[in-house]
N, C-alpha and C. Protein backbone atom coordinates (compact mmCIF):
# COMPACT_ATOMS: atom_id res chain seq x y z
N MET A 1 0.87 -1.14 0.00
CA MET A 1 -0.04 -0.01 -0.01
C MET A 1 0.95 1.24 -0.02
N VAL A 2 0.44 2.26 -0.71
CA VAL A 2 1.16 3.52 -0.84
C VAL A 2 0.37 4.64 -0.40
N ARG A 3 0.96 5.55 0.38
CA ARG A 3 0.27 6.78 0.73
C ARG A 3 0.94 7.96 0.01
N ALA A 4 0.12 8.84 -0.54
CA ALA A 4 0.69 10.02 -1.25
C ALA A 4 -0.29 11.12 -1.13
N SER A 5 0.20 12.34 -1.09
CA SER A 5 -0.64 13.51 -1.04
C SER A 5 -0.77 14.20 -2.41
N SER A 6 -0.01 13.67 -3.39
CA SER A 6 -0.11 14.23 -4.70
C SER A 6 0.20 13.12 -5.75
N ARG A 7 -0.19 13.35 -7.04
CA ARG A 7 0.13 12.42 -8.09
C ARG A 7 1.60 12.21 -8.20
N GLY A 8 2.36 13.29 -8.09
CA GLY A 8 3.83 13.20 -8.20
C GLY A 8 4.42 12.27 -7.13
N GLU A 9 3.96 12.41 -5.93
CA GLU A 9 4.46 11.48 -4.87
C GLU A 9 4.04 10.07 -5.15
N LEU A 10 2.86 9.87 -5.66
CA LEU A 10 2.36 8.51 -5.96
C LEU A 10 3.24 7.82 -7.01
N VAL A 11 3.46 8.48 -8.16
CA VAL A 11 4.21 7.85 -9.25
C VAL A 11 5.66 7.61 -8.88
N GLU A 12 6.21 8.54 -8.03
CA GLU A 12 7.56 8.39 -7.54
C GLU A 12 7.67 7.16 -6.61
N SER A 13 6.71 7.01 -5.76
CA SER A 13 6.67 5.83 -4.84
C SER A 13 6.48 4.55 -5.61
N VAL A 14 5.69 4.56 -6.64
CA VAL A 14 5.44 3.34 -7.38
C VAL A 14 6.74 2.84 -8.03
N VAL A 15 7.43 3.70 -8.72
CA VAL A 15 8.64 3.27 -9.41
C VAL A 15 9.72 2.89 -8.46
N GLN A 16 9.81 3.62 -7.31
CA GLN A 16 10.81 3.21 -6.28
C GLN A 16 10.49 1.84 -5.71
N THR A 17 9.22 1.53 -5.47
CA THR A 17 8.84 0.27 -4.95
C THR A 17 9.11 -0.91 -5.90
N LEU A 18 8.76 -0.67 -7.18
CA LEU A 18 9.01 -1.69 -8.18
C LEU A 18 10.47 -2.07 -8.27
N VAL A 19 11.38 -1.07 -8.24
CA VAL A 19 12.79 -1.32 -8.41
C VAL A 19 13.36 -1.79 -7.05
N GLY A 20 12.87 -1.17 -5.95
CA GLY A 20 13.39 -1.51 -4.66
C GLY A 20 13.10 -2.95 -4.18
N THR A 21 12.04 -3.58 -4.69
CA THR A 21 11.69 -4.94 -4.34
C THR A 21 12.50 -5.93 -5.12
N GLY A 22 13.20 -5.45 -6.16
CA GLY A 22 13.96 -6.36 -6.99
C GLY A 22 13.24 -7.03 -8.13
N VAL A 23 11.94 -6.64 -8.25
CA VAL A 23 11.14 -7.22 -9.28
C VAL A 23 11.59 -6.76 -10.69
N PHE A 24 11.92 -5.47 -10.70
CA PHE A 24 12.38 -4.84 -11.99
C PHE A 24 13.68 -4.03 -11.69
N THR A 25 14.56 -4.02 -12.72
CA THR A 25 15.75 -3.20 -12.58
C THR A 25 15.50 -1.74 -13.00
N THR A 26 14.47 -1.48 -13.75
CA THR A 26 14.12 -0.13 -14.18
C THR A 26 12.61 -0.03 -14.25
N ALA A 27 12.11 1.13 -13.79
CA ALA A 27 10.69 1.41 -13.91
C ALA A 27 10.52 2.85 -14.41
N VAL A 28 9.68 3.02 -15.38
CA VAL A 28 9.46 4.36 -15.99
C VAL A 28 7.93 4.59 -16.11
N ILE A 29 7.47 5.79 -15.76
CA ILE A 29 6.15 6.22 -16.01
C ILE A 29 6.17 7.39 -16.91
N SER A 30 5.51 7.28 -18.03
CA SER A 30 5.45 8.35 -19.06
C SER A 30 4.02 8.78 -19.35
N ARG A 31 3.88 9.89 -19.95
CA ARG A 31 2.56 10.40 -20.40
C ARG A 31 2.66 10.76 -21.89
N LEU A 32 1.55 10.76 -22.62
CA LEU A 32 1.50 11.18 -23.96
C LEU A 32 1.25 12.65 -24.06
N ASN A 33 2.15 13.37 -24.81
CA ASN A 33 1.92 14.76 -25.10
C ASN A 33 0.93 14.82 -26.24
N PRO A 34 -0.23 15.34 -26.05
CA PRO A 34 -1.26 15.34 -27.12
C PRO A 34 -0.94 16.18 -28.32
N GLU A 35 -0.09 17.21 -28.10
CA GLU A 35 0.27 18.06 -29.20
C GLU A 35 1.32 17.46 -30.17
N THR A 36 2.27 16.74 -29.57
CA THR A 36 3.37 16.21 -30.36
C THR A 36 3.22 14.71 -30.59
N GLN A 37 2.30 14.09 -29.84
CA GLN A 37 2.11 12.65 -29.92
C GLN A 37 3.33 11.88 -29.48
N GLU A 38 4.16 12.46 -28.62
CA GLU A 38 5.34 11.82 -28.09
C GLU A 38 5.18 11.45 -26.63
N LEU A 39 5.87 10.39 -26.24
CA LEU A 39 5.85 10.03 -24.80
C LEU A 39 6.88 10.95 -24.06
N VAL A 40 6.42 11.44 -22.92
CA VAL A 40 7.25 12.33 -22.08
C VAL A 40 7.47 11.60 -20.73
N ARG A 41 8.70 11.36 -20.41
CA ARG A 41 8.94 10.69 -19.10
C ARG A 41 8.59 11.57 -17.97
N GLU A 42 7.76 11.03 -17.07
CA GLU A 42 7.41 11.75 -15.84
C GLU A 42 8.36 11.41 -14.70
N VAL A 43 8.63 10.14 -14.57
CA VAL A 43 9.46 9.68 -13.47
C VAL A 43 10.10 8.38 -13.80
N SER A 44 11.31 8.13 -13.28
CA SER A 44 11.94 6.83 -13.52
C SER A 44 12.78 6.52 -12.34
N CYS A 45 13.10 5.20 -12.20
CA CYS A 45 13.97 4.74 -11.12
C CYS A 45 14.75 3.59 -11.66
N GLY A 46 15.99 3.47 -11.25
CA GLY A 46 16.89 2.44 -11.75
C GLY A 46 17.71 2.99 -12.87
N ASP A 47 18.33 2.16 -13.62
CA ASP A 47 19.21 2.55 -14.72
C ASP A 47 18.39 2.73 -15.97
N ALA A 48 17.87 3.91 -16.19
CA ALA A 48 17.07 4.22 -17.42
C ALA A 48 17.91 4.80 -18.57
N THR A 49 19.20 4.64 -18.50
CA THR A 49 20.12 5.22 -19.48
C THR A 49 19.71 4.69 -20.88
N GLY A 50 19.44 5.57 -21.81
CA GLY A 50 19.13 5.19 -23.18
C GLY A 50 17.72 4.67 -23.36
N TYR A 51 16.90 4.63 -22.30
CA TYR A 51 15.54 4.15 -22.41
C TYR A 51 14.62 5.31 -22.80
N MET A 52 13.94 5.13 -23.94
CA MET A 52 12.97 6.11 -24.45
C MET A 52 13.65 7.42 -24.75
N GLU A 53 14.84 7.46 -25.30
CA GLU A 53 15.45 8.71 -25.69
C GLU A 53 15.41 8.86 -27.17
């Protein structure tokens, strides 16, 4: 269970938990920019070097 007072805290907690438990080595949450139709990284944890660049 995760407690957060904002969406930013929630997504940060989610990626930290996924990587911290050892289930994943990298976790990324992105959103779609409706104007450019490109994915924009909101938050990541772990070694995301070269991922979605």
